[in-house]
Amino acid sequence: MAIFKFQPIRKVLVWGTETWLISSVPGSESVVAEGPDKGKTINEVYGGQFPLLVKFIDAREDLSIQVHPNDALALRRHNCKGKTEMWYVRDASEGAHLLSGLTRQITPEEYERRVADNTITEVLGRYDIAKGDVFFLPAGRIHAIGGGSHIVEIQQTSDITYRIYDYGRPGLDGKPRELHTRLAKDAIDYSVLPDYRTRYNLRRNARTVLVECPCFVTSLYNLDRPLNLDLSAIGSALVVVCIEGGGILGGRPVAAGDVFLVTSGESDMSVQPGPDGLKLLTSYVPEQTIC
């Protein structure tokens, strides 16, 4: 077992900031921040391209409405993976919201018309959010993060985004940001669900599975006593995000906001919460799966 912490990659955007904590995206590869492997890239310590991208998103304003292609479409168009992702709400200002999914059936033709006449938001699910809320966003689901949202985003290693609608605002260079309305048309999943929020019952001192799909399995731990995590069952590596509190992770201090990559092995990893408890997100890619 080895535990790696990486230098954060901060990206300033028109709506706020993204901090990439674990990234194997070409041109934005994470670099080990400390220890004997300091200065090595994530690809070097992992032994190839790590399949997950982990970000903290701090939205000062609303993000664009967007969609991501699935693996088949992304491979055909861009020769890369698609993007299935999930959100865990770290914090939210009063009135913060997220958009996810369609509230009623529309056709591709109606989609194009609604983008053109600025009414696309009328058919999107809008959710007021609070700390601890979870949303799963399979490739093809229209979505957007609203201003005042502070999100942990876990996704496939891909930077392919189709921007559908951006409220007519300019980018940081003062020019209108590029839209991908027609590319998105074939990427959208037009099916309708009754609810797009992920419901869960948080267990204390035990694993609570939030999302389980071929792309990743993400769980939440709310600890006030020591626990051993079985690393033998998680594939090649485990992402660990400290949401709240602090303690000791595999012999290393951990505090809120820390993100680690733990290479697995035939062993357990001890987790010891501090006096204020410890809340962790973990995520890994199941072995021998196709997303």
Protein backbone atom coordinates (compact mmCIF):
# COMPACT_ATOMS: atom_id res chain seq x y z
CA MET A 1 0.00 0.00 0.00
CA ALA A 2 1.15 3.53 -0.79
CA ILE A 3 -0.63 6.84 -0.16
CA PHE A 4 -0.10 9.81 -2.48
CA LYS A 5 -1.14 13.43 -2.12
CA PHE A 6 -0.89 15.67 -5.19
CA GLN A 7 -0.36 19.35 -5.85
CA PRO A 8 -3.74 20.97 -6.59
CA ILE A 9 -4.34 22.35 -10.08
CA ARG A 10 -6.46 25.51 -9.86
CA LYS A 11 -8.42 26.68 -12.88
CA VAL A 12 -10.11 30.10 -12.90
CA LEU A 13 -13.24 30.19 -15.04
CA VAL A 14 -15.89 32.76 -15.85
CA TRP A 15 -18.26 31.37 -13.20
CA GLY A 16 -15.76 30.58 -10.41
CA THR A 17 -12.97 28.06 -9.82
CA GLU A 18 -12.24 24.38 -10.25
CA THR A 19 -9.49 22.72 -8.25
CA TRP A 20 -8.32 19.46 -9.77
CA LEU A 21 -7.05 17.24 -6.94
CA ILE A 22 -6.49 14.03 -8.88
CA SER A 23 -6.09 14.24 -12.64
CA SER A 24 -4.60 12.12 -15.37
CA VAL A 25 -6.02 14.33 -18.16
CA PRO A 26 -3.25 15.00 -20.73
CA GLY A 27 -1.77 18.44 -20.08
CA SER A 28 -3.19 18.55 -16.55
CA GLU A 29 -1.54 15.55 -14.88
CA SER A 30 -1.32 15.65 -11.09
CA VAL A 31 2.15 15.79 -9.54
CA VAL A 32 3.00 14.19 -6.18
CA ALA A 33 3.30 16.93 -3.56
CA GLU A 34 5.39 15.26 -0.85
CA GLY A 35 7.30 12.20 0.23
CA PRO A 36 9.86 10.05 -1.60
CA ASP A 37 7.92 10.25 -4.88
CA LYS A 38 7.59 14.06 -4.80
CA GLY A 39 7.66 15.48 -8.32
CA LYS A 40 6.46 12.33 -10.06
CA THR A 41 3.27 12.42 -12.10
CA ILE A 42 0.20 10.40 -11.26
CA ASN A 43 0.80 8.31 -14.37
CA GLU A 44 4.26 7.37 -13.08
CA VAL A 45 3.15 6.31 -9.60
CA TYR A 46 -0.06 4.64 -10.80
CA GLY A 47 1.54 2.90 -13.78
CA GLY A 48 -0.69 4.30 -16.51
CA GLN A 49 -3.57 6.73 -16.96
CA PHE A 50 -5.65 6.87 -13.79
CA PRO A 51 -9.33 6.43 -14.79
CA LEU A 52 -10.89 9.01 -12.42
CA LEU A 53 -10.74 12.80 -12.24
CA VAL A 54 -11.55 14.42 -8.88
CA LYS A 55 -12.38 18.13 -8.57
CA PHE A 56 -13.60 20.66 -6.05
CA ILE A 57 -15.97 23.06 -7.81
CA ASP A 58 -16.68 26.45 -6.23
CA ALA A 59 -19.36 28.16 -8.26
CA ARG A 60 -19.67 31.90 -7.76
CA GLU A 61 -22.19 32.08 -10.63
CA ASP A 62 -24.24 29.54 -12.58
CA LEU A 63 -22.28 27.17 -14.80
CA SER A 64 -23.38 26.62 -18.38
CA ILE A 65 -26.00 24.00 -19.15
CA GLN A 66 -24.13 21.04 -20.59
CA VAL A 67 -24.01 17.37 -21.41
CA HIS A 68 -21.24 14.81 -21.86
CA PRO A 69 -20.98 12.05 -24.49
CA ASN A 70 -20.82 8.38 -23.58
CA ASP A 71 -17.77 6.25 -24.30
CA ALA A 72 -18.91 5.11 -27.74
CA LEU A 73 -19.69 8.62 -28.99
CA ALA A 74 -16.57 10.15 -27.43
CA LEU A 75 -14.39 7.46 -28.99
CA ARG A 76 -15.91 8.03 -32.42
CA ARG A 77 -15.72 11.82 -32.28
CA HIS A 78 -12.72 12.55 -30.04
CA ASN A 79 -10.79 9.27 -29.67
CA CYS A 80 -11.15 9.38 -25.88
CA LYS A 81 -13.39 8.26 -23.03
CA GLY A 82 -16.79 9.78 -22.40
CA LYS A 83 -17.77 11.33 -19.11
CA THR A 84 -20.02 9.86 -16.47
CA GLU A 85 -19.79 11.77 -13.20
CA MET A 86 -21.32 12.41 -9.79
CA TRP A 87 -21.65 15.35 -7.41
CA TYR A 88 -21.38 15.42 -3.63
CA VAL A 89 -22.38 18.77 -2.13
CA ARG A 90 -19.63 19.98 0.26
CA ASP A 91 -21.56 23.13 1.10
CA ALA A 92 -24.22 25.40 -0.36
CA SER A 93 -25.22 29.02 0.06
CA GLU A 94 -28.85 29.89 0.71
CA GLY A 95 -30.81 29.45 -2.51
CA ALA A 96 -28.12 27.36 -4.25
CA HIS A 97 -29.46 24.83 -6.73
CA LEU A 98 -28.48 22.27 -9.35
CA LEU A 99 -30.11 21.35 -12.65
CA SER A 100 -30.33 17.68 -13.59
CA GLY A 101 -32.33 15.80 -16.21
CA LEU A 102 -35.51 16.45 -18.14
CA THR A 103 -38.85 16.93 -16.41
CA ARG A 104 -40.86 15.85 -19.44
CA GLN A 105 -40.32 14.12 -22.75
CA ILE A 106 -38.97 16.33 -25.53
CA THR A 107 -37.73 15.53 -29.02
CA PRO A 108 -34.32 16.46 -30.39
CA GLU A 109 -36.09 19.05 -32.53
CA GLU A 110 -37.78 20.63 -29.51
CA TYR A 111 -34.42 20.67 -27.73
CA GLU A 112 -32.88 22.72 -30.56
CA ARG A 113 -35.84 25.08 -30.59
CA ARG A 114 -35.70 25.64 -26.84
CA VAL A 115 -31.99 26.41 -26.95
CA ALA A 116 -32.63 28.91 -29.75
CA ASP A 117 -35.49 30.68 -27.95
CA ASN A 118 -33.87 30.58 -24.48
CA THR A 119 -36.46 28.25 -22.89
CA ILE A 120 -34.37 25.11 -22.34
CA THR A 121 -34.35 25.64 -18.55
CA GLU A 122 -38.15 25.26 -18.51
CA VAL A 123 -37.84 21.49 -19.08
CA LEU A 124 -34.92 20.80 -16.74
CA GLY A 125 -35.21 19.49 -13.18
CA ARG A 126 -34.20 22.13 -10.62
CA TYR A 127 -33.12 21.04 -7.12
CA ASP A 128 -32.42 23.21 -4.11
CA ILE A 129 -29.38 21.72 -2.40
CA ALA A 130 -27.79 21.35 1.01
CA LYS A 131 -24.58 19.86 2.38
CA GLY A 132 -24.46 16.11 1.81
CA ASP A 133 -26.73 15.97 -1.24
CA VAL A 134 -25.68 13.57 -4.01
CA PHE A 135 -26.44 13.50 -7.74
CA PHE A 136 -25.40 10.82 -10.23
CA LEU A 137 -24.90 12.07 -13.79
CA PRO A 138 -24.47 9.31 -16.35
CA ALA A 139 -23.21 10.42 -19.74
CA GLY A 140 -26.09 11.91 -21.72
CA ARG A 141 -27.90 13.62 -18.83
CA ILE A 142 -28.29 17.40 -19.22
CA HIS A 143 -27.08 19.22 -16.10
CA ALA A 144 -25.72 22.43 -14.59
CA ILE A 145 -24.31 23.66 -11.28
CA GLY A 146 -25.86 26.81 -9.85
CA GLY A 147 -24.07 29.69 -8.17
CA GLY A 148 -23.33 29.28 -4.47
CA SER A 149 -22.64 25.54 -4.83
CA HIS A 150 -19.49 23.88 -3.51
CA ILE A 151 -19.17 20.44 -5.03
CA VAL A 152 -16.94 17.40 -5.00
CA GLU A 153 -17.08 16.05 -8.55
CA ILE A 154 -15.89 12.52 -9.30
CA GLN A 155 -15.87 11.56 -12.97
CA GLN A 156 -14.24 9.55 -15.67
CA THR A 157 -10.87 10.86 -16.86
CA SER A 158 -12.18 12.99 -19.69
CA ASP A 159 -12.42 16.70 -20.40
CA ILE A 160 -15.10 16.47 -23.10
CA THR A 161 -18.01 18.81 -22.43
CA TYR A 162 -20.75 19.94 -24.81
CA ARG A 163 -21.90 23.39 -23.73
CA ILE A 164 -25.58 23.72 -24.62
CA TYR A 165 -26.56 27.10 -23.21
CA ASP A 166 -24.61 29.82 -21.41
CA TYR A 167 -27.09 32.64 -20.73
CA GLY A 168 -25.45 34.80 -23.42
CA ARG A 169 -22.50 35.80 -21.21
CA PRO A 170 -18.95 36.40 -22.43
CA GLY A 171 -15.90 34.41 -21.40
CA LEU A 172 -12.87 35.77 -19.53
CA ASP A 173 -11.58 37.11 -22.87
CA GLY A 174 -14.76 39.15 -23.36
CA LYS A 175 -15.93 37.02 -26.29
CA PRO A 176 -18.98 34.74 -26.31
CA ARG A 177 -18.12 31.22 -25.17
CA GLU A 178 -18.45 28.49 -27.78
CA LEU A 179 -21.65 26.47 -27.76
CA HIS A 180 -21.96 22.88 -28.94
CA THR A 181 -25.71 22.74 -29.50
CA ARG A 182 -25.65 20.37 -32.47
CA LEU A 183 -22.96 18.08 -31.05
CA ALA A 184 -25.02 17.79 -27.87
CA LYS A 185 -28.18 16.89 -29.78
CA ASP A 186 -26.97 13.34 -30.45
CA ALA A 187 -25.34 12.98 -27.03
CA ILE A 188 -28.43 13.72 -24.92
CA ASP A 189 -30.38 10.96 -23.22
CA TYR A 190 -33.98 12.11 -23.73
CA SER A 191 -35.50 9.70 -21.21
CA VAL A 192 -37.30 11.14 -18.17
CA LEU A 193 -37.00 10.04 -14.53
CA PRO A 194 -39.30 11.03 -11.65
CA ASP A 195 -36.37 12.15 -9.47
CA TYR A 196 -32.70 12.79 -10.25
CA ARG A 197 -31.43 13.17 -6.71
CA THR A 198 -29.58 10.18 -5.22
CA ARG A 199 -31.23 9.15 -1.96
CA TYR A 200 -29.25 7.41 0.78
CA ASN A 201 -29.33 6.63 4.49
CA LEU A 202 -25.98 7.45 6.08
CA ARG A 203 -24.71 4.71 8.40
CA ARG A 204 -22.33 5.53 11.24
CA ASN A 205 -19.00 3.67 11.40
CA ALA A 206 -19.86 1.65 8.32
CA ARG A 207 -19.84 1.94 4.53
CA THR A 208 -22.70 3.77 2.82
CA VAL A 209 -22.66 3.17 -0.93
CA LEU A 210 -23.71 6.32 -2.82
CA VAL A 211 -23.11 5.40 -6.46
CA GLU A 212 -22.31 2.00 -7.95
CA CYS A 213 -21.86 1.90 -11.70
CA PRO A 214 -19.34 0.40 -14.16
CA CYS A 215 -17.36 3.68 -14.16
CA PHE A 216 -16.86 3.97 -10.39
CA VAL A 217 -18.11 2.96 -6.98
CA THR A 218 -18.33 5.82 -4.48
CA SER A 219 -19.05 5.40 -0.78
CA LEU A 220 -19.36 7.60 2.29
CA TYR A 221 -18.03 6.89 5.79
CA ASN A 222 -19.15 8.83 8.87
CA LEU A 223 -16.77 7.75 11.63
CA ASP A 224 -16.42 8.37 15.35
CA ARG A 225 -14.37 5.24 16.04
CA PRO A 226 -11.52 3.42 14.24
CA LEU A 227 -12.23 1.36 11.14
CA ASN A 228 -10.18 -0.82 8.80
CA LEU A 229 -10.81 -0.48 5.05
CA ASP A 230 -10.30 -3.67 3.04
CA LEU A 231 -8.11 -2.67 0.08
CA SER A 232 -8.02 -6.13 -1.48
CA ALA A 233 -11.52 -5.75 -2.91
CA ILE A 234 -11.22 -2.36 -4.63
CA GLY A 235 -9.13 -2.99 -7.73
CA SER A 236 -5.91 -1.10 -8.28
CA ALA A 237 -6.41 2.15 -6.33
CA LEU A 238 -8.76 4.05 -4.06
CA VAL A 239 -9.49 7.78 -4.01
CA VAL A 240 -10.09 9.16 -0.51
CA VAL A 241 -11.62 12.63 0.02
CA CYS A 242 -11.86 14.07 3.53
CA ILE A 243 -15.17 15.93 3.73
CA GLU A 244 -15.27 16.90 7.40
CA GLY A 245 -13.28 16.44 10.60
CA GLY A 246 -9.84 14.89 10.75
CA GLY A 247 -7.79 11.98 11.99
CA ILE A 248 -5.24 9.46 10.78
CA LEU A 249 -5.43 7.62 7.44
CA GLY A 250 -3.02 4.72 7.04
CA GLY A 251 -0.64 6.37 9.50
CA ARG A 252 -0.89 9.83 7.87
CA PRO A 253 -2.69 12.89 9.26
CA VAL A 254 -5.84 13.82 7.35
CA ALA A 255 -7.92 17.00 7.53
CA ALA A 256 -10.97 18.42 5.78
CA GLY A 257 -10.19 19.14 2.12
CA ASP A 258 -7.40 16.56 1.82
CA VAL A 259 -7.55 14.19 -1.14
CA PHE A 260 -5.38 11.07 -1.45
CA LEU A 261 -4.78 8.25 -3.89
CA VAL A 262 -4.21 4.93 -2.13
CA THR A 263 -2.76 2.07 -4.14
CA SER A 264 -4.36 -1.16 -3.09
CA GLY A 265 -2.87 -4.43 -1.95
CA GLU A 266 -3.61 -7.53 0.03
CA SER A 267 -4.05 -5.55 3.23
CA ASP A 268 -6.32 -3.29 5.22
CA MET A 269 -5.88 0.43 5.78
CA SER A 270 -6.56 1.74 9.27
CA VAL A 271 -8.64 4.90 9.67
CA GLN A 272 -8.73 6.68 13.02
CA PRO A 273 -11.06 9.64 13.46
CA GLY A 274 -10.08 12.61 15.61
CA PRO A 275 -12.14 13.98 18.50
CA ASP A 276 -14.53 15.75 16.09
CA GLY A 277 -15.09 12.65 13.98
CA LEU A 278 -14.20 12.03 10.35
CA LYS A 279 -16.31 11.97 7.21
CA LEU A 280 -14.73 10.44 4.09
CA LEU A 281 -15.72 9.85 0.48
CA THR A 282 -14.02 6.92 -1.24
CA SER A 283 -14.15 5.98 -4.90
CA TYR A 284 -12.65 3.29 -7.08
CA VAL A 285 -13.12 1.74 -10.51
CA PRO A 286 -14.43 -1.83 -10.48
CA GLU A 287 -12.11 -4.29 -12.21
CA GLN A 288 -13.09 -5.96 -15.49
CA THR A 289 -15.94 -3.59 -16.25
CA ILE A 290 -16.82 -1.60 -19.34
CA CYS A 291 -18.30 1.82 -18.72
